PDB file of all heavy atoms in Angstrom:
ATOM      1  N   ILE A   1      50.213  41.608  58.211  1.00  0.00           N
ATOM      2  CA  ILE A   1      50.781  41.760  56.873  1.00  0.00           C
ATOM      3  C   ILE A   1      49.993  40.821  55.974  1.00  0.00           C
ATOM      4  O   ILE A   1      50.234  39.608  55.939  1.00  0.00           O
ATOM      5  CB  ILE A   1      52.283  41.420  56.863  1.00  0.00           C
ATOM      6  CG1 ILE A   1      53.024  42.257  57.904  1.00  0.00           C
ATOM      7  CG2 ILE A   1      52.881  41.636  55.472  1.00  0.00           C
ATOM      8  CD1 ILE A   1      54.444  41.789  58.180  1.00  0.00           C
ATOM      9  N   VAL A   2      49.012  41.361  55.256  1.00  0.00           N
ATOM     10  CA  VAL A   2      48.057  40.561  54.501  1.00  0.00           C
ATOM     11  C   VAL A   2      48.512  40.483  53.050  1.00  0.00           C
ATOM     12  O   VAL A   2      48.593  41.512  52.362  1.00  0.00           O
ATOM     13  CB  VAL A   2      46.641  41.150  54.596  1.00  0.00           C
ATOM     14  CG1 VAL A   2      45.650  40.270  53.848  1.00  0.00           C
ATOM     15  CG2 VAL A   2      46.226  41.300  56.060  1.00  0.00           C
ATOM     16  N   ILE A   3      48.799  39.269  52.570  1.00  0.00           N
ATOM     17  CA  ILE A   3      49.357  39.070  51.236  1.00  0.00           C
ATOM     18  C   ILE A   3      48.401  38.219  50.403  1.00  0.00           C
ATOM     19  O   ILE A   3      48.171  37.053  50.708  1.00  0.00           O
ATOM     20  CB  ILE A   3      50.736  38.383  51.310  1.00  0.00           C
ATOM     21  CG1 ILE A   3      51.681  39.157  52.230  1.00  0.00           C
ATOM     22  CG2 ILE A   3      51.348  38.242  49.917  1.00  0.00           C
ATOM     23  CD1 ILE A   3      52.982  38.434  52.534  1.00  0.00           C
ATOM     24  N   GLY A   4      47.836  38.813  49.365  1.00  0.00           N
ATOM     25  CA  GLY A   4      47.013  38.054  48.426  1.00  0.00           C
ATOM     26  C   GLY A   4      45.740  37.498  49.007  1.00  0.00           C
ATOM     27  O   GLY A   4      45.319  36.402  48.629  1.00  0.00           O
ATOM     28  N   SER A   5      45.088  38.234  49.889  1.00  0.00           N
ATOM     29  CA  SER A   5      43.819  37.790  50.476  1.00  0.00           C
ATOM     30  C   SER A   5      42.726  38.776  50.117  1.00  0.00           C
ATOM     31  O   SER A   5      42.929  39.992  50.178  1.00  0.00           O
ATOM     32  CB  SER A   5      43.928  37.686  52.000  1.00  0.00           C
ATOM     33  OG  SER A   5      42.644  37.515  52.585  1.00  0.00           O
ATOM     34  N   SER A   6      41.543  38.243  49.792  1.00  0.00           N
ATOM     35  CA  SER A   6      40.419  39.093  49.406  1.00  0.00           C
ATOM     36  C   SER A   6      39.512  39.447  50.569  1.00  0.00           C
ATOM     37  O   SER A   6      38.447  40.028  50.375  1.00  0.00           O
ATOM     38  CB  SER A   6      39.605  38.398  48.311  1.00  0.00           C
ATOM     39  OG  SER A   6      39.129  37.147  48.777  1.00  0.00           O
ATOM     40  N   PHE A   7      39.910  39.097  51.788  1.00  0.00           N
ATOM     41  CA  PHE A   7      39.133  39.411  52.991  1.00  0.00           C
ATOM     42  C   PHE A   7      37.711  38.834  52.901  1.00  0.00           C
ATOM     43  O   PHE A   7      36.721  39.529  53.134  1.00  0.00           O
ATOM     44  CB  PHE A   7      39.078  40.924  53.233  1.00  0.00           C
ATOM     45  CG  PHE A   7      40.302  41.478  53.913  1.00  0.00           C
ATOM     46  CD1 PHE A   7      41.478  41.648  53.200  1.00  0.00           C
ATOM     47  CD2 PHE A   7      40.287  41.817  55.251  1.00  0.00           C
ATOM     48  CE1 PHE A   7      42.612  42.148  53.807  1.00  0.00           C
ATOM     49  CE2 PHE A   7      41.412  42.324  55.877  1.00  0.00           C
ATOM     50  CZ  PHE A   7      42.585  42.485  55.148  1.00  0.00           C
ATOM     51  N   SER A   8      37.633  37.551  52.572  1.00  0.00           N
ATOM     52  CA  SER A   8      36.338  36.873  52.565  1.00  0.00           C
ATOM     53  C   SER A   8      35.691  36.982  53.938  1.00  0.00           C
ATOM     54  O   SER A   8      36.364  37.005  54.973  1.00  0.00           O
ATOM     55  CB  SER A   8      36.549  35.393  52.216  1.00  0.00           C
ATOM     56  OG  SER A   8      35.443  34.617  52.609  1.00  0.00           O
ATOM     57  N   ASP A   9      34.357  37.044  53.939  1.00  0.00           N
ATOM     58  CA  ASP A   9      33.648  37.096  55.223  1.00  0.00           C
ATOM     59  C   ASP A   9      33.889  35.844  56.046  1.00  0.00           C
ATOM     60  O   ASP A   9      33.861  35.882  57.282  1.00  0.00           O
ATOM     61  CB  ASP A   9      32.153  37.294  54.988  1.00  0.00           C
ATOM     62  CG  ASP A   9      31.551  36.243  54.073  1.00  0.00           C
ATOM     63  OD1 ASP A   9      32.140  35.968  53.019  1.00  0.00           O
ATOM     64  OD2 ASP A   9      30.489  35.680  54.423  1.00  0.00           O
ATOM     65  N   LEU A  10      34.185  34.711  55.389  1.00  0.00           N
ATOM     66  CA  LEU A  10      34.458  33.474  56.128  1.00  0.00           C
ATOM     67  C   LEU A  10      35.848  33.490  56.764  1.00  0.00           C
ATOM     68  O   LEU A  10      36.097  32.775  57.726  1.00  0.00           O
ATOM     69  CB  LEU A  10      34.329  32.262  55.202  1.00  0.00           C
ATOM     70  CG  LEU A  10      32.929  31.992  54.652  1.00  0.00           C
ATOM     71  CD1 LEU A  10      32.936  30.772  53.750  1.00  0.00           C
ATOM     72  CD2 LEU A  10      31.922  31.806  55.783  1.00  0.00           C
ATOM     73  N   THR A  11      36.755  34.313  56.219  1.00  0.00           N
ATOM     74  CA  THR A  11      38.092  34.412  56.808  1.00  0.00           C
ATOM     75  C   THR A  11      38.057  35.210  58.096  1.00  0.00           C
ATOM     76  O   THR A  11      38.878  35.013  58.993  1.00  0.00           O
ATOM     77  CB  THR A  11      39.073  35.057  55.811  1.00  0.00           C
ATOM     78  OG1 THR A  11      39.073  34.291  54.602  1.00  0.00           O
ATOM     79  CG2 THR A  11      40.486  35.069  56.360  1.00  0.00           C
ATOM     80  N   GLN A  12      37.123  36.148  58.207  1.00  0.00           N
ATOM     81  CA  GLN A  12      36.841  36.867  59.464  1.00  0.00           C
ATOM     82  C   GLN A  12      38.055  37.626  59.995  1.00  0.00           C
ATOM     83  O   GLN A  12      38.289  37.652  61.201  1.00  0.00           O
ATOM     84  CB  GLN A  12      36.308  35.895  60.523  1.00  0.00           C
ATOM     85  CG  GLN A  12      35.021  35.205  60.118  1.00  0.00           C
ATOM     86  CD  GLN A  12      34.558  34.152  61.104  1.00  0.00           C
ATOM     87  OE1 GLN A  12      35.283  33.808  62.043  1.00  0.00           O
ATOM     88  NE2 GLN A  12      33.362  33.616  60.896  1.00  0.00           N
ATOM     89  N   LEU A  13      38.813  38.259  59.110  1.00  0.00           N
ATOM     90  CA  LEU A  13      39.943  39.062  59.578  1.00  0.00           C
ATOM     91  C   LEU A  13      39.420  40.339  60.233  1.00  0.00           C
ATOM     92  O   LEU A  13      38.579  41.041  59.661  1.00  0.00           O
ATOM     93  CB  LEU A  13      40.870  39.410  58.410  1.00  0.00           C
ATOM     94  CG  LEU A  13      41.638  38.232  57.811  1.00  0.00           C
ATOM     95  CD1 LEU A  13      42.451  38.673  56.603  1.00  0.00           C
ATOM     96  CD2 LEU A  13      42.554  37.598  58.850  1.00  0.00           C
ATOM     97  N   PRO A  14      39.916  40.673  61.422  1.00  0.00           N
ATOM     98  CA  PRO A  14      39.388  41.830  62.145  1.00  0.00           C
ATOM     99  C   PRO A  14      40.038  43.134  61.674  1.00  0.00           C
ATOM    100  O   PRO A  14      41.085  43.117  61.016  1.00  0.00           O
ATOM    101  CB  PRO A  14      39.798  41.518  63.587  1.00  0.00           C
ATOM    102  CG  PRO A  14      41.097  40.775  63.438  1.00  0.00           C
ATOM    103  CD  PRO A  14      40.939  39.945  62.184  1.00  0.00           C
ATOM    104  N   PRO A  15      39.431  44.275  61.995  1.00  0.00           N
ATOM    105  CA  PRO A  15      40.100  45.544  61.724  1.00  0.00           C
ATOM    106  C   PRO A  15      41.322  45.694  62.627  1.00  0.00           C
ATOM    107  O   PRO A  15      41.437  45.015  63.647  1.00  0.00           O
ATOM    108  CB  PRO A  15      39.024  46.582  62.055  1.00  0.00           C
ATOM    109  CG  PRO A  15      38.121  45.898  63.031  1.00  0.00           C
ATOM    110  CD  PRO A  15      38.125  44.448  62.652  1.00  0.00           C
ATOM    111  N   GLY A  16      42.201  46.575  62.252  1.00  0.00           N
ATOM    112  CA  GLY A  16      43.417  46.779  63.031  1.00  0.00           C
ATOM    113  C   GLY A  16      44.478  47.458  62.188  1.00  0.00           C
ATOM    114  O   GLY A  16      44.181  48.086  61.161  1.00  0.00           O
ATOM    115  N   ARG A  17      45.700  47.316  62.616  1.00  0.00           N
ATOM    116  CA  ARG A  17      46.836  47.891  61.883  1.00  0.00           C
ATOM    117  C   ARG A  17      47.217  46.898  60.787  1.00  0.00           C
ATOM    118  O   ARG A  17      47.698  45.800  61.060  1.00  0.00           O
ATOM    119  CB  ARG A  17      47.993  48.095  62.857  1.00  0.00           C
ATOM    120  CG  ARG A  17      49.010  49.132  62.437  1.00  0.00           C
ATOM    121  CD  ARG A  17      49.781  49.621  63.655  1.00  0.00           C
ATOM    122  NE  ARG A  17      50.893  50.466  63.266  1.00  0.00           N
ATOM    123  CZ  ARG A  17      52.170  50.161  63.462  1.00  0.00           C
ATOM    124  NH1 ARG A  17      52.488  49.005  64.048  1.00  0.00           N
ATOM    125  NH2 ARG A  17      53.121  50.996  63.096  1.00  0.00           N
ATOM    126  N   ILE A  18      47.000  47.281  59.535  1.00  0.00           N
ATOM    127  CA  ILE A  18      47.113  46.325  58.431  1.00  0.00           C
ATOM    128  C   ILE A  18      48.008  46.885  57.330  1.00  0.00           C
ATOM    129  O   ILE A  18      47.839  48.029  56.899  1.00  0.00           O
ATOM    130  CB  ILE A  18      45.724  45.991  57.838  1.00  0.00           C
ATOM    131  CG1 ILE A  18      44.832  45.322  58.886  1.00  0.00           C
ATOM    132  CG2 ILE A  18      45.862  45.090  56.613  1.00  0.00           C
ATOM    133  CD1 ILE A  18      43.387  45.144  58.438  1.00  0.00           C
ATOM    134  N   LEU A  19      48.963  46.073  56.890  1.00  0.00           N
ATOM    135  CA  LEU A  19      49.716  46.310  55.659  1.00  0.00           C
ATOM    136  C   LEU A  19      49.221  45.280  54.662  1.00  0.00           C
ATOM    137  O   LEU A  19      49.357  44.078  54.882  1.00  0.00           O
ATOM    138  CB  LEU A  19      51.224  46.144  55.892  1.00  0.00           C
ATOM    139  CG  LEU A  19      52.104  46.045  54.643  1.00  0.00           C
ATOM    140  CD1 LEU A  19      52.028  47.311  53.810  1.00  0.00           C
ATOM    141  CD2 LEU A  19      53.548  45.723  55.022  1.00  0.00           C
ATOM    142  N   GLN A  20      48.627  45.737  53.561  1.00  0.00           N
ATOM    143  CA  GLN A  20      48.018  44.811  52.609  1.00  0.00           C
ATOM    144  C   GLN A  20      48.711  44.876  51.263  1.00  0.00           C
ATOM    145  O   GLN A  20      48.956  45.961  50.717  1.00  0.00           O
ATOM    146  CB  GLN A  20      46.526  45.117  52.437  1.00  0.00           C
ATOM    147  CG  GLN A  20      45.798  44.067  51.591  1.00  0.00           C
ATOM    148  CD  GLN A  20      44.316  44.346  51.456  1.00  0.00           C
ATOM    149  OE1 GLN A  20      43.793  45.285  52.055  1.00  0.00           O
ATOM    150  NE2 GLN A  20      43.619  43.530  50.673  1.00  0.00           N
ATOM    151  N   ILE A  21      49.008  43.702  50.711  1.00  0.00           N
ATOM    152  CA  ILE A  21      49.655  43.574  49.406  1.00  0.00           C
ATOM    153  C   ILE A  21      48.725  42.783  48.493  1.00  0.00           C
ATOM    154  O   ILE A  21      48.322  41.672  48.825  1.00  0.00           O
ATOM    155  CB  ILE A  21      51.008  42.837  49.532  1.00  0.00           C
ATOM    156  CG1 ILE A  21      51.935  43.578  50.492  1.00  0.00           C
ATOM    157  CG2 ILE A  21      51.662  42.666  48.165  1.00  0.00           C
ATOM    158  CD1 ILE A  21      53.131  42.738  50.935  1.00  0.00           C
ATOM    159  N   ASP A  22      48.396  43.358  47.328  1.00  0.00           N
ATOM    160  CA  ASP A  22      47.510  42.642  46.409  1.00  0.00           C
ATOM    161  C   ASP A  22      47.719  43.155  44.996  1.00  0.00           C
ATOM    162  O   ASP A  22      48.000  44.341  44.781  1.00  0.00           O
ATOM    163  CB  ASP A  22      46.043  42.815  46.805  1.00  0.00           C
ATOM    164  CG  ASP A  22      45.181  41.661  46.320  1.00  0.00           C
ATOM    165  OD1 ASP A  22      44.913  41.596  45.104  1.00  0.00           O
ATOM    166  OD2 ASP A  22      44.810  40.807  47.149  1.00  0.00           O
ATOM    167  N   ILE A  23      47.584  42.264  44.030  1.00  0.00           N
ATOM    168  CA  ILE A  23      47.701  42.639  42.620  1.00  0.00           C
ATOM    169  C   ILE A  23      46.493  43.441  42.164  1.00  0.00           C
ATOM    170  O   ILE A  23      46.568  44.223  41.209  1.00  0.00           O
ATOM    171  CB  ILE A  23      47.878  41.370  41.741  1.00  0.00           C
ATOM    172  CG1 ILE A  23      48.182  41.736  40.281  1.00  0.00           C
ATOM    173  CG2 ILE A  23      46.654  40.491  41.826  1.00  0.00           C
ATOM    174  CD1 ILE A  23      49.457  42.476  40.065  1.00  0.00           C
ATOM    175  N   ASP A  24      45.359  43.271  42.838  1.00  0.00           N
ATOM    176  CA  ASP A  24      44.123  43.955  42.476  1.00  0.00           C
ATOM    177  C   ASP A  24      43.897  45.124  43.433  1.00  0.00           C
ATOM    178  O   ASP A  24      43.613  44.920  44.613  1.00  0.00           O
ATOM    179  CB  ASP A  24      42.949  42.981  42.545  1.00  0.00           C
ATOM    180  CG  ASP A  24      41.639  43.593  42.065  1.00  0.00           C
ATOM    181  OD1 ASP A  24      41.603  44.813  41.825  1.00  0.00           O
ATOM    182  OD2 ASP A  24      40.655  42.841  41.938  1.00  0.00           O
ATOM    183  N   PRO A  25      43.999  46.367  42.958  1.00  0.00           N
ATOM    184  CA  PRO A  25      43.832  47.507  43.868  1.00  0.00           C
ATOM    185  C   PRO A  25      42.451  47.575  44.504  1.00  0.00           C
ATOM    186  O   PRO A  25      42.288  48.178  45.572  1.00  0.00           O
ATOM    187  CB  PRO A  25      44.085  48.723  42.958  1.00  0.00           C
ATOM    188  CG  PRO A  25      43.859  48.237  41.568  1.00  0.00           C
ATOM    189  CD  PRO A  25      44.267  46.797  41.570  1.00  0.00           C
ATOM    190  N   LEU A  26      41.445  46.949  43.881  1.00  0.00           N
ATOM    191  CA  LEU A  26      40.110  46.952  44.467  1.00  0.00           C
ATOM    192  C   LEU A  26      40.027  46.093  45.732  1.00  0.00           C
ATOM    193  O   LEU A  26      39.085  46.227  46.518  1.00  0.00           O
ATOM    194  CB  LEU A  26      39.081  46.466  43.442  1.00  0.00           C
ATOM    195  CG  LEU A  26      38.840  47.398  42.246  1.00  0.00           C
ATOM    196  CD1 LEU A  26      37.860  46.754  41.267  1.00  0.00           C
ATOM    197  CD2 LEU A  26      38.318  48.754  42.694  1.00  0.00           C
ATOM    198  N   MET A  27      40.991  45.199  45.916  1.00  0.00           N
ATOM    199  CA  MET A  27      41.006  44.371  47.120  1.00  0.00           C
ATOM    200  C   MET A  27      41.605  45.114  48.320  1.00  0.00           C
ATOM    201  O   MET A  27      41.374  44.726  49.465  1.00  0.00           O
ATOM    202  CB  MET A  27      41.814  43.086  46.877  1.00  0.00           C
ATOM    203  CG  MET A  27      41.156  42.091  45.929  1.00  0.00           C
ATOM    204  SD  MET A  27      39.591  41.448  46.544  1.00  0.00           S
ATOM    205  CE  MET A  27      38.459  42.246  45.403  1.00  0.00           C
ATOM    206  N   ILE A  28      42.364  46.178  48.053  1.00  0.00           N
ATOM    207  CA  ILE A  28      42.988  46.927  49.146  1.00  0.00           C
ATOM    208  C   ILE A  28      41.900  47.633  49.960  1.00  0.00           C
ATOM    209  O   ILE A  28      41.050  48.337  49.415  1.00  0.00           O
ATOM    210  CB  ILE A  28      43.989  47.976  48.597  1.00  0.00           C
ATOM    211  CG1 ILE A  28      45.057  47.305  47.713  1.00  0.00           C
ATOM    212  CG2 ILE A  28      44.634  48.742  49.745  1.00  0.00           C
ATOM    213  CD1 ILE A  28      46.002  46.393  48.437  1.00  0.00           C
ATOM    214  N   ALA A  29      41.918  47.408  51.270  1.00  0.00           N
ATOM    215  CA  ALA A  29      40.943  48.018  52.192  1.00  0.00           C
ATOM    216  C   ALA A  29      39.511  47.622  51.833  1.00  0.00           C
ATOM    217  O   ALA A  29      38.572  48.397  52.027  1.00  0.00           O
ATOM    218  CB  ALA A  29      41.095  49.541  52.221  1.00  0.00           C
ATOM    219  N   ARG A  30      39.327  46.410  51.348  1.00  0.00           N
ATOM    220  CA  ARG A  30      37.991  45.970  50.929  1.00  0.00           C
ATOM    221  C   ARG A  30      37.033  45.878  52.108  1.00  0.00           C
ATOM    222  O   ARG A  30      35.852  46.216  51.986  1.00  0.00           O
ATOM    223  CB  ARG A  30      38.109  44.611  50.232  1.00  0.00           C
ATOM    224  CG  ARG A  30      36.788  44.039  49.758  1.00  0.00           C
ATOM    225  CD  ARG A  30      36.997  42.823  48.880  1.00  0.00           C
ATOM    226  NE  ARG A  30      35.720  42.235  48.489  1.00  0.00           N
ATOM    227  CZ  ARG A  30      35.363  40.989  48.791  1.00  0.00           C
ATOM    228  NH1 ARG A  30      36.179  40.207  49.468  1.00  0.00           N
ATOM    229  NH2 ARG A  30      34.201  40.514  48.402  1.00  0.00           N
ATOM    230  N   ARG A  31      37.516  45.402  53.236  1.00  0.00           N
ATOM    231  CA  ARG A  31      36.650  45.265  54.417  1.00  0.00           C
ATOM    232  C   ARG A  31      36.953  46.334  55.469  1.00  0.00           C
ATOM    233  O   ARG A  31      36.058  46.843  56.121  1.00  0.00           O
ATOM    234  CB  ARG A  31      36.837  43.888  55.051  1.00  0.00           C
ATOM    235  CG  ARG A  31      36.487  42.721  54.146  1.00  0.00           C
ATOM    236  CD  ARG A  31      35.011  42.542  53.981  1.00  0.00           C
ATOM    237  NE  ARG A  31      34.715  41.321  53.210  1.00  0.00           N
ATOM    238  CZ  ARG A  31      33.537  41.041  52.685  1.00  0.00           C
ATOM    239  NH1 ARG A  31      32.538  41.883  52.824  1.00  0.00           N
ATOM    240  NH2 ARG A  31      33.351  39.932  51.992  1.00  0.00           N
ATOM    241  N   HIS A  32      38.253  46.625  55.669  1.00  0.00           N
ATOM    242  CA  HIS A  32      38.657  47.548  56.731  1.00  0.00           C
ATOM    243  C   HIS A  32      39.675  48.550  56.178  1.00  0.00           C
ATOM    244  O   HIS A  32      40.418  48.235  55.245  1.00  0.00           O
ATOM    245  CB  HIS A  32      39.323  46.786  57.892  1.00  0.00           C
ATOM    246  CG  HIS A  32      38.563  45.578  58.346  1.00  0.00           C
ATOM    247  ND1 HIS A  32      37.297  45.642  58.857  1.00  0.00           N
ATOM    248  CD2 HIS A  32      38.915  44.256  58.360  1.00  0.00           C
ATOM    249  CE1 HIS A  32      36.893  44.414  59.173  1.00  0.00           C
ATOM    250  NE2 HIS A  32      37.848  43.563  58.872  1.00  0.00           N
ATOM    251  N   PRO A  33      39.738  49.749  56.766  1.00  0.00           N
ATOM    252  CA  PRO A  33      40.823  50.671  56.400  1.00  0.00           C
ATOM    253  C   PRO A  33      42.176  50.028  56.721  1.00  0.00           C
ATOM    254  O   PRO A  33      42.300  49.250  57.671  1.00  0.00           O
ATOM    255  CB  PRO A  33      40.565  51.887  57.292  1.00  0.00           C
ATOM    256  CG  PRO A  33      39.140  51.777  57.716  1.00  0.00           C
ATOM    257  CD  PRO A  33      38.831  50.311  57.770  1.00  0.00           C
ATOM    258  N   VAL A  34      43.186  50.351  55.909  1.00  0.00           N
ATOM    259  CA  VAL A  34      44.512  49.786  56.122  1.00  0.00           C
ATOM    260  C   VAL A  34      45.504  50.891  56.440  1.00  0.00           C
ATOM    261  O   VAL A  34      45.337  52.039  56.022  1.00  0.00           O
ATOM    262  CB  VAL A  34      44.995  48.979  54.895  1.00  0.00           C
ATOM    263  CG1 VAL A  34      44.071  47.813  54.622  1.00  0.00           C
ATOM    264  CG2 VAL A  34      45.114  49.864  53.657  1.00  0.00           C
ATOM    265  N   GLU A  35      46.513  50.524  57.197  1.00  0.00           N
ATOM    266  CA  GLU A  35      47.604  51.459  57.485  1.00  0.00           C
ATOM    267  C   GLU A  35      48.348  51.805  56.208  1.00  0.00           C
ATOM    268  O   GLU A  35      48.731  52.950  55.974  1.00  0.00           O
ATOM    269  CB  GLU A  35      48.558  50.824  58.503  1.00  0.00           C
ATOM    270  CG  GLU A  35      49.601  51.763  59.061  1.00  0.00           C
ATOM    271  CD  GLU A  35      49.103  52.530  60.270  1.00  0.00           C
ATOM    272  OE1 GLU A  35      47.950  52.315  60.693  1.00  0.00           O
ATOM    273  OE2 GLU A  35      49.865  53.353  60.785  1.00  0.00           O
ATOM    274  N   MET A  36      48.524  50.773  55.359  1.00  0.00           N
ATOM    275  CA  MET A  36      49.222  50.993  54.090  1.00  0.00           C
ATOM    276  C   MET A  36      48.841  49.884  53.121  1.00  0.00           C
ATOM    277  O   MET A  36      48.729  48.713  53.501  1.00  0.00           O
ATOM    278  CB  MET A  36      50.734  51.014  54.301  1.00  0.00           C
ATOM    279  CG  MET A  36      51.506  51.406  53.071  1.00  0.00           C
ATOM    280  SD  MET A  36      53.254  51.651  53.418  1.00  0.00           S
ATOM    281  CE  MET A  36      53.769  52.236  51.799  1.00  0.00           C
ATOM    282  N   GLY A  37      48.638  50.250  51.854  1.00  0.00           N
ATOM    283  CA  GLY A  37      48.356  49.272  50.817  1.00  0.00           C
ATOM    284  C   GLY A  37      49.397  49.325  49.728  1.00  0.00           C
ATOM    285  O   GLY A  37      49.833  50.412  49.321  1.00  0.00           O
ATOM    286  N   LEU A  38      49.818  48.154  49.257  1.00  0.00           N
ATOM    287  CA  LEU A  38      50.795  48.049  48.169  1.00  0.00           C
ATOM    288  C   LEU A  38      50.164  47.270  47.025  1.00  0.00           C
ATOM    289  O   LEU A  38      49.746  46.125  47.205  1.00  0.00           O
ATOM    290  CB  LEU A  38      52.066  47.330  48.628  1.00  0.00           C
ATOM    291  CG  LEU A  38      52.911  48.001  49.716  1.00  0.00           C
ATOM    292  CD1 LEU A  38      54.080  47.093  50.091  1.00  0.00           C
ATOM    293  CD2 LEU A  38      53.409  49.363  49.260  1.00  0.00           C
ATOM    294  N   GLU A  39      50.091  47.888  45.859  1.00  0.00           N
ATOM    295  CA  GLU A  39      49.600  47.187  44.684  1.00  0.00           C
ATOM    296  C   GLU A  39      50.769  46.521  43.982  1.00  0.00           C
ATOM    297  O   GLU A  39      51.755  47.184  43.636  1.00  0.00           O
ATOM    298  CB  GLU A  39      48.914  48.154  43.714  1.00  0.00           C
ATOM    299  CG  GLU A  39      48.403  47.467  42.455  1.00  0.00           C
ATOM    300  CD  GLU A  39      47.870  48.435  41.419  1.00  0.00           C
ATOM    301  OE1 GLU A  39      47.816  49.653  41.718  1.00  0.00           O
ATOM    302  OE2 GLU A  39      47.538  47.990  40.305  1.00  0.00           O
ATOM    303  N   GLY A  40      50.681  45.222  43.769  1.00  0.00           N
ATOM    304  CA  GLY A  40      51.761  44.529  43.080  1.00  0.00           C
ATOM    305  C   GLY A  40      51.668  43.027  43.229  1.00  0.00           C
ATOM    306  O   GLY A  40      50.933  42.502  44.073  1.00  0.00           O
ATOM    307  N   ARG A  41      52.414  42.339  42.407  1.00  0.00           N
ATOM    308  CA  ARG A  41      52.504  40.880  42.472  1.00  0.00           C
ATOM    309  C   ARG A  41      53.247  40.500  43.738  1.00  0.00           C
ATOM    310  O   ARG A  41      54.284  41.075  44.072  1.00  0.00           O
ATOM    311  CB  ARG A  41      53.247  40.324  41.257  1.00  0.00           C
ATOM    312  CG  ARG A  41      52.597  40.615  39.910  1.00  0.00           C
ATOM    313  CD  ARG A  41      52.645  39.381  39.059  1.00  0.00           C
ATOM    314  NE  ARG A  41      51.754  38.366  39.557  1.00  0.00           N
ATOM    315  CZ  ARG A  41      50.510  38.174  39.098  1.00  0.00           C
ATOM    316  NH1 ARG A  41      50.037  38.918  38.133  1.00  0.00           N
ATOM    317  NH2 ARG A  41      49.763  37.218  39.601  1.00  0.00           N
ATOM    318  N   SER A  42      52.730  39.481  44.410  1.00  0.00           N
ATOM    319  CA  SER A  42      53.419  39.028  45.624  1.00  0.00           C
ATOM    320  C   SER A  42      54.795  38.464  45.298  1.00  0.00           C
ATOM    321  O   SER A  42      55.731  38.584  46.092  1.00  0.00           O
ATOM    322  CB  SER A  42      52.573  37.987  46.358  1.00  0.00           C
ATOM    323  OG  SER A  42      52.353  36.831  45.559  1.00  0.00           O
TER     324      SER A  42
END
């Protein structure tokens, strides 16, 4: 459950089953496909 993260290469989050929440829709699935993305303020 990824909240407010831009998936920096230094964070090294792996692909997998991901629910991503971010205010910026361009950050959703930035590195890997996500199971579900939610656009909105955390």
